[in-house]
């Protein structure tokens, strides 16, 4: 009997903590966090695609680097299939958020990620001369 489990709750009344979103460290670096992992092990962040675009505009001749823990990803992929199997990739997902994934693998297991883990996105200037 369900009533033996306790009082029913209304899911619309649950209050979730507000996400603060990414923090600008300087003109060429932002810091956000892992907010969740899906059943494939893809890691969703609180960094929106628009923030990545703004960062890229700050340094149009730069290399984008995504860092979490001891792992560093160079550039953004457009699709999951764009990378070598087993390699970490960063991309903007269908929810317009920065996501960390592994082609044919599980990013959460590979990087030992958890909700709240810091993610940094940096534009490193490239000298064209």
N, C-alpha and C. Protein backbone atom coordinates (compact mmCIF):
# COMPACT_ATOMS: atom_id res chain seq x y z
N UNK A 1 0.82 -1.17 0.00
CA UNK A 1 0.00 0.00 0.00
C UNK A 1 0.88 1.25 0.00
N UNK A 2 0.57 2.17 -0.91
CA UNK A 2 1.37 3.38 -1.08
C UNK A 2 1.36 4.29 0.13
N UNK A 3 0.25 4.40 0.82
CA UNK A 3 0.18 5.31 1.97
C UNK A 3 1.13 4.90 3.09
N UNK A 4 1.57 3.66 3.08
CA UNK A 4 2.53 3.21 4.09
C UNK A 4 3.92 3.79 3.84
N UNK A 5 4.16 4.24 2.63
CA UNK A 5 5.47 4.82 2.30
C UNK A 5 5.60 6.26 2.78
N UNK A 6 4.52 6.92 3.03
CA UNK A 6 4.57 8.31 3.49
C UNK A 6 3.61 9.18 2.72
N UNK A 7 3.70 10.46 2.99
CA UNK A 7 2.83 11.44 2.36
C UNK A 7 3.27 11.71 0.93
N UNK A 8 2.30 11.77 0.03
CA UNK A 8 2.60 12.09 -1.37
C UNK A 8 3.09 13.53 -1.47
N UNK A 9 4.01 13.77 -2.41
CA UNK A 9 4.50 15.13 -2.63
C UNK A 9 4.10 15.61 -4.01
N UNK A 10 3.99 16.90 -4.15
CA UNK A 10 3.68 17.53 -5.43
C UNK A 10 5.01 17.94 -6.06
N UNK A 11 5.39 17.31 -7.16
CA UNK A 11 6.69 17.56 -7.79
C UNK A 11 6.86 19.01 -8.25
N UNK A 12 5.77 19.71 -8.50
CA UNK A 12 5.88 21.10 -8.93
C UNK A 12 6.28 22.03 -7.78
N UNK A 13 6.22 21.52 -6.54
CA UNK A 13 6.56 22.35 -5.38
C UNK A 13 8.00 22.14 -4.91
N UNK A 14 8.73 21.24 -5.56
CA UNK A 14 10.12 21.01 -5.17
C UNK A 14 10.96 22.19 -5.62
N UNK A 15 11.78 22.71 -4.74
CA UNK A 15 12.66 23.82 -5.08
C UNK A 15 14.06 23.29 -5.33
N UNK A 16 14.58 23.63 -6.49
CA UNK A 16 15.93 23.22 -6.87
C UNK A 16 16.87 24.39 -6.68
N UNK A 17 18.14 24.12 -6.33
CA UNK A 17 19.08 25.23 -6.18
C UNK A 17 19.31 25.92 -7.53
N UNK A 18 19.40 27.22 -7.50
CA UNK A 18 19.64 27.98 -8.73
C UNK A 18 21.08 27.81 -9.18
N UNK A 19 21.25 27.63 -10.48
CA UNK A 19 22.60 27.56 -11.02
C UNK A 19 23.11 28.98 -11.21
N UNK A 20 24.33 29.21 -10.79
CA UNK A 20 24.88 30.55 -10.91
C UNK A 20 25.46 30.81 -12.29
N UNK A 21 25.67 29.76 -13.04
CA UNK A 21 26.25 29.92 -14.37
C UNK A 21 27.75 30.10 -14.29
N UNK A 22 28.36 30.25 -15.44
CA UNK A 22 29.82 30.36 -15.46
C UNK A 22 30.30 31.70 -14.92
N UNK A 23 31.53 31.71 -14.48
CA UNK A 23 32.19 32.92 -13.97
C UNK A 23 33.32 33.28 -14.91
N UNK A 24 33.38 34.55 -15.27
CA UNK A 24 34.50 35.02 -16.10
C UNK A 24 35.72 35.20 -15.20
N UNK A 25 36.80 34.50 -15.51
CA UNK A 25 38.05 34.62 -14.76
C UNK A 25 38.81 35.84 -15.27
N UNK A 26 38.87 35.99 -16.57
CA UNK A 26 39.43 37.17 -17.24
C UNK A 26 38.84 37.19 -18.65
N UNK A 27 39.34 38.05 -19.51
CA UNK A 27 38.76 38.19 -20.86
C UNK A 27 38.88 36.92 -21.70
N UNK A 28 39.82 36.03 -21.34
CA UNK A 28 40.08 34.86 -22.16
C UNK A 28 39.78 33.54 -21.46
N UNK A 29 39.11 33.59 -20.30
CA UNK A 29 38.86 32.36 -19.56
C UNK A 29 37.57 32.43 -18.75
N UNK A 30 36.79 31.36 -18.83
CA UNK A 30 35.60 31.23 -18.01
C UNK A 30 35.68 29.93 -17.22
N UNK A 31 34.97 29.92 -16.11
CA UNK A 31 34.93 28.73 -15.27
C UNK A 31 33.47 28.38 -14.99
N UNK A 32 33.12 27.15 -15.24
CA UNK A 32 31.79 26.64 -14.95
C UNK A 32 31.91 25.33 -14.22
N UNK A 33 30.82 24.55 -14.26
CA UNK A 33 30.81 23.29 -13.52
C UNK A 33 30.02 22.22 -14.25
N UNK A 34 30.33 20.98 -13.96
CA UNK A 34 29.52 19.86 -14.41
C UNK A 34 28.22 19.92 -13.62
N UNK A 35 27.09 19.83 -14.31
CA UNK A 35 25.81 19.86 -13.58
C UNK A 35 25.11 18.50 -13.61
N UNK A 36 25.43 17.66 -14.60
CA UNK A 36 24.82 16.33 -14.63
C UNK A 36 25.53 15.44 -15.64
N UNK A 37 25.21 14.17 -15.54
CA UNK A 37 25.72 13.16 -16.47
C UNK A 37 24.53 12.34 -16.95
N UNK A 38 24.48 12.04 -18.24
CA UNK A 38 23.38 11.22 -18.73
C UNK A 38 23.77 9.74 -18.68
N UNK A 39 22.88 8.86 -19.15
CA UNK A 39 23.15 7.42 -19.05
C UNK A 39 24.27 6.95 -19.97
N UNK A 40 24.70 7.79 -20.91
CA UNK A 40 25.86 7.48 -21.75
C UNK A 40 27.17 7.93 -21.10
N UNK A 41 27.06 8.72 -20.03
CA UNK A 41 28.25 9.27 -19.39
C UNK A 41 28.67 10.61 -19.95
N UNK A 42 27.82 11.22 -20.79
CA UNK A 42 28.11 12.57 -21.30
C UNK A 42 27.90 13.56 -20.16
N UNK A 43 28.79 14.53 -20.06
CA UNK A 43 28.78 15.49 -18.95
C UNK A 43 28.25 16.83 -19.41
N UNK A 44 27.14 17.24 -18.84
CA UNK A 44 26.53 18.54 -19.16
C UNK A 44 27.08 19.58 -18.21
N UNK A 45 27.38 20.77 -18.74
CA UNK A 45 27.91 21.86 -17.91
C UNK A 45 26.90 23.00 -17.82
N UNK A 46 27.22 23.96 -16.98
CA UNK A 46 26.38 25.17 -16.86
C UNK A 46 26.88 26.29 -17.77
N UNK A 47 27.70 25.94 -18.76
CA UNK A 47 28.26 26.93 -19.68
C UNK A 47 27.45 26.90 -20.98
N UNK A 48 26.77 28.00 -21.28
CA UNK A 48 25.93 28.09 -22.47
C UNK A 48 26.76 28.31 -23.73
N UNK A 49 26.20 27.87 -24.85
CA UNK A 49 26.87 28.05 -26.13
C UNK A 49 27.16 29.51 -26.43
N UNK A 50 26.26 30.42 -26.04
CA UNK A 50 26.47 31.85 -26.27
C UNK A 50 27.70 32.37 -25.53
N UNK A 51 27.94 31.83 -24.35
CA UNK A 51 29.12 32.25 -23.57
C UNK A 51 30.39 31.80 -24.29
N UNK A 52 30.37 30.59 -24.84
CA UNK A 52 31.53 30.10 -25.62
C UNK A 52 31.76 31.01 -26.82
N UNK A 53 30.69 31.39 -27.52
CA UNK A 53 30.83 32.26 -28.68
C UNK A 53 31.42 33.62 -28.30
N UNK A 54 30.97 34.17 -27.18
CA UNK A 54 31.51 35.45 -26.70
C UNK A 54 32.99 35.30 -26.39
N UNK A 55 33.36 34.23 -25.74
CA UNK A 55 34.77 33.97 -25.42
C UNK A 55 35.59 33.87 -26.69
N UNK A 56 35.09 33.16 -27.70
CA UNK A 56 35.82 33.02 -28.96
C UNK A 56 35.98 34.36 -29.67
N UNK A 57 35.00 35.24 -29.54
CA UNK A 57 35.08 36.56 -30.16
C UNK A 57 36.15 37.43 -29.50
N UNK A 58 36.43 37.17 -28.22
CA UNK A 58 37.45 37.94 -27.50
C UNK A 58 38.85 37.70 -28.08
N UNK A 59 39.03 36.55 -28.70
CA UNK A 59 40.35 36.18 -29.22
C UNK A 59 40.14 35.37 -30.50
N UNK A 60 39.89 36.09 -31.60
CA UNK A 60 39.53 35.42 -32.85
C UNK A 60 40.65 34.56 -33.41
N UNK A 61 41.89 34.82 -33.03
CA UNK A 61 43.03 34.01 -33.50
C UNK A 61 43.57 33.18 -32.34
N UNK A 62 42.67 32.49 -31.68
CA UNK A 62 43.09 31.71 -30.52
C UNK A 62 42.66 30.27 -30.63
N UNK A 63 43.24 29.45 -29.75
CA UNK A 63 42.88 28.04 -29.65
C UNK A 63 42.02 27.86 -28.41
N UNK A 64 40.85 27.26 -28.57
CA UNK A 64 39.96 27.02 -27.45
C UNK A 64 40.38 25.73 -26.74
N UNK A 65 40.56 25.81 -25.43
CA UNK A 65 40.94 24.66 -24.62
C UNK A 65 39.90 24.48 -23.51
N UNK A 66 39.35 23.27 -23.39
CA UNK A 66 38.42 22.93 -22.31
C UNK A 66 39.17 22.03 -21.35
N UNK A 67 39.18 22.41 -20.07
CA UNK A 67 39.93 21.65 -19.06
C UNK A 67 39.01 21.23 -17.92
N UNK A 68 39.15 19.99 -17.50
CA UNK A 68 38.49 19.52 -16.29
C UNK A 68 39.41 18.49 -15.65
N UNK A 69 39.73 18.74 -14.39
CA UNK A 69 40.72 17.90 -13.72
C UNK A 69 42.03 17.95 -14.47
N UNK A 70 42.62 16.79 -14.72
CA UNK A 70 43.88 16.70 -15.45
C UNK A 70 43.68 16.54 -16.96
N UNK A 71 42.46 16.68 -17.42
CA UNK A 71 42.14 16.46 -18.83
C UNK A 71 41.95 17.79 -19.56
N UNK A 72 42.50 17.83 -20.78
CA UNK A 72 42.43 19.03 -21.61
C UNK A 72 41.95 18.64 -23.01
N UNK A 73 40.99 19.39 -23.52
CA UNK A 73 40.41 19.11 -24.83
C UNK A 73 40.64 20.34 -25.70
N UNK A 74 41.19 20.12 -26.87
CA UNK A 74 41.47 21.23 -27.79
C UNK A 74 40.34 21.36 -28.80
N UNK A 75 39.68 22.52 -28.80
CA UNK A 75 38.64 22.82 -29.77
C UNK A 75 37.30 22.21 -29.43
N UNK A 76 36.32 22.53 -30.27
CA UNK A 76 34.96 22.01 -30.13
C UNK A 76 34.63 21.10 -31.30
N UNK A 77 34.05 19.96 -31.01
CA UNK A 77 33.55 19.08 -32.06
C UNK A 77 32.14 19.55 -32.43
N UNK A 78 31.69 19.19 -33.61
CA UNK A 78 30.33 19.51 -34.02
C UNK A 78 29.41 18.32 -33.74
N UNK A 79 29.94 17.10 -33.89
CA UNK A 79 29.17 15.88 -33.63
C UNK A 79 29.97 14.92 -32.76
N UNK A 80 29.26 13.97 -32.15
CA UNK A 80 29.91 12.95 -31.32
C UNK A 80 30.83 12.06 -32.15
N UNK A 81 30.48 11.82 -33.40
CA UNK A 81 31.23 10.91 -34.26
C UNK A 81 32.50 11.53 -34.84
N UNK A 82 32.76 12.79 -34.54
CA UNK A 82 33.88 13.51 -35.13
C UNK A 82 35.24 13.09 -34.58
N UNK A 83 35.27 12.34 -33.51
CA UNK A 83 36.53 12.05 -32.84
C UNK A 83 36.90 10.57 -32.94
N UNK A 84 38.14 10.31 -32.61
CA UNK A 84 38.64 8.94 -32.51
C UNK A 84 37.95 8.27 -31.33
N UNK A 85 37.56 7.03 -31.49
CA UNK A 85 36.87 6.29 -30.42
C UNK A 85 37.72 6.31 -29.15
N UNK A 86 37.08 6.64 -28.03
CA UNK A 86 37.77 6.67 -26.74
C UNK A 86 38.37 8.00 -26.37
N UNK A 87 38.32 8.98 -27.27
CA UNK A 87 38.92 10.29 -27.01
C UNK A 87 37.87 11.26 -26.49
N UNK A 88 38.27 12.08 -25.50
CA UNK A 88 37.38 13.12 -24.98
C UNK A 88 37.12 14.19 -26.03
N UNK A 89 35.88 14.64 -26.10
CA UNK A 89 35.53 15.76 -26.97
C UNK A 89 34.67 16.74 -26.18
N UNK A 90 34.66 17.96 -26.64
CA UNK A 90 33.77 19.00 -26.11
C UNK A 90 32.91 19.46 -27.27
N UNK A 91 31.64 19.68 -27.00
CA UNK A 91 30.73 20.16 -28.04
C UNK A 91 29.58 20.91 -27.41
N UNK A 92 28.84 21.63 -28.22
CA UNK A 92 27.63 22.30 -27.76
C UNK A 92 26.48 21.34 -28.06
N UNK A 93 25.76 20.93 -27.01
CA UNK A 93 24.71 19.92 -27.18
C UNK A 93 23.40 20.54 -27.67
N UNK A 94 22.38 19.72 -27.78
CA UNK A 94 21.09 20.18 -28.30
C UNK A 94 20.38 21.13 -27.35
N UNK A 95 20.84 21.22 -26.12
CA UNK A 95 20.28 22.18 -25.15
C UNK A 95 21.10 23.47 -25.12
N UNK A 96 22.03 23.59 -26.07
CA UNK A 96 22.91 24.75 -26.19
C UNK A 96 23.80 24.92 -24.96
N UNK A 97 24.31 23.79 -24.45
CA UNK A 97 25.23 23.81 -23.32
C UNK A 97 26.51 23.10 -23.72
N UNK A 98 27.60 23.54 -23.13
CA UNK A 98 28.86 22.84 -23.33
C UNK A 98 28.74 21.45 -22.71
N UNK A 99 29.11 20.45 -23.48
CA UNK A 99 29.05 19.07 -23.01
C UNK A 99 30.39 18.40 -23.27
N UNK A 100 30.79 17.55 -22.35
CA UNK A 100 32.01 16.76 -22.48
C UNK A 100 31.57 15.32 -22.72
N UNK A 101 32.13 14.68 -23.73
CA UNK A 101 31.73 13.32 -24.08
C UNK A 101 32.97 12.53 -24.50
N UNK A 102 32.78 11.24 -24.66
CA UNK A 102 33.81 10.36 -25.22
C UNK A 102 33.18 9.65 -26.39
N UNK A 103 33.83 9.72 -27.53
CA UNK A 103 33.32 9.03 -28.70
C UNK A 103 33.33 7.52 -28.42
N UNK A 104 32.15 6.92 -28.38
CA UNK A 104 32.04 5.49 -28.13
C UNK A 104 32.39 5.09 -26.71
N UNK A 105 32.34 6.03 -25.76
CA UNK A 105 32.71 5.71 -24.38
C UNK A 105 31.93 6.53 -23.37
N UNK A 106 32.46 6.56 -22.16
CA UNK A 106 31.78 7.19 -21.03
C UNK A 106 32.69 8.24 -20.41
N UNK A 107 32.40 9.51 -20.64
CA UNK A 107 33.24 10.60 -20.13
C UNK A 107 33.22 10.66 -18.61
N UNK A 108 32.07 10.41 -17.99
CA UNK A 108 31.96 10.48 -16.53
C UNK A 108 32.93 9.49 -15.88
N UNK A 109 33.03 8.29 -16.43
CA UNK A 109 33.95 7.29 -15.88
C UNK A 109 35.40 7.65 -16.20
N UNK A 110 35.65 8.10 -17.41
CA UNK A 110 37.02 8.41 -17.83
C UNK A 110 37.66 9.49 -16.97
N UNK A 111 36.92 10.56 -16.71
CA UNK A 111 37.49 11.69 -15.95
C UNK A 111 37.12 11.65 -14.47
N UNK A 112 36.38 10.59 -14.07
CA UNK A 112 35.91 10.47 -12.68
C UNK A 112 35.16 11.74 -12.26
N UNK A 113 34.23 12.14 -13.13
CA UNK A 113 33.51 13.40 -12.95
C UNK A 113 32.34 13.25 -11.98
N UNK A 114 31.96 14.36 -11.43
CA UNK A 114 30.82 14.45 -10.51
C UNK A 114 30.22 15.84 -10.65
N UNK A 115 28.95 15.97 -10.25
CA UNK A 115 28.29 17.28 -10.29
C UNK A 115 29.06 18.25 -9.42
N UNK A 116 29.36 19.40 -9.97
CA UNK A 116 30.11 20.42 -9.25
C UNK A 116 31.58 20.50 -9.66
N UNK A 117 32.07 19.49 -10.40
CA UNK A 117 33.46 19.52 -10.85
C UNK A 117 33.70 20.75 -11.72
N UNK A 118 34.79 21.45 -11.48
CA UNK A 118 35.11 22.67 -12.21
C UNK A 118 35.51 22.36 -13.65
N UNK A 119 34.98 23.17 -14.57
CA UNK A 119 35.33 23.11 -15.98
C UNK A 119 35.81 24.50 -16.38
N UNK A 120 37.00 24.57 -16.98
CA UNK A 120 37.52 25.86 -17.45
C UNK A 120 37.59 25.84 -18.97
N UNK A 121 37.20 26.96 -19.56
CA UNK A 121 37.32 27.13 -21.01
C UNK A 121 38.20 28.36 -21.22
N UNK A 122 39.29 28.14 -21.97
CA UNK A 122 40.29 29.18 -22.16
C UNK A 122 40.56 29.38 -23.64
N UNK A 123 40.74 30.63 -24.03
CA UNK A 123 41.22 30.95 -25.37
C UNK A 123 42.70 31.29 -25.25
N UNK A 124 43.52 30.50 -25.92
CA UNK A 124 44.96 30.75 -25.91
C UNK A 124 45.34 31.42 -27.22
N UNK A 125 45.86 32.65 -27.12
CA UNK A 125 46.23 33.35 -28.35
C UNK A 125 47.24 32.56 -29.17
N UNK A 126 47.06 32.58 -30.49
CA UNK A 126 47.97 31.90 -31.40
C UNK A 126 48.66 32.99 -32.22
N UNK A 127 49.97 32.93 -32.27
CA UNK A 127 50.75 33.90 -33.03
C UNK A 127 50.75 33.48 -34.49
N UNK A 128 50.22 34.33 -35.36
CA UNK A 128 50.13 34.01 -36.79
C UNK A 128 51.40 34.33 -37.56
N UNK A 129 52.39 34.92 -36.89
CA UNK A 129 53.59 35.31 -37.64
C UNK A 129 54.57 34.19 -37.83
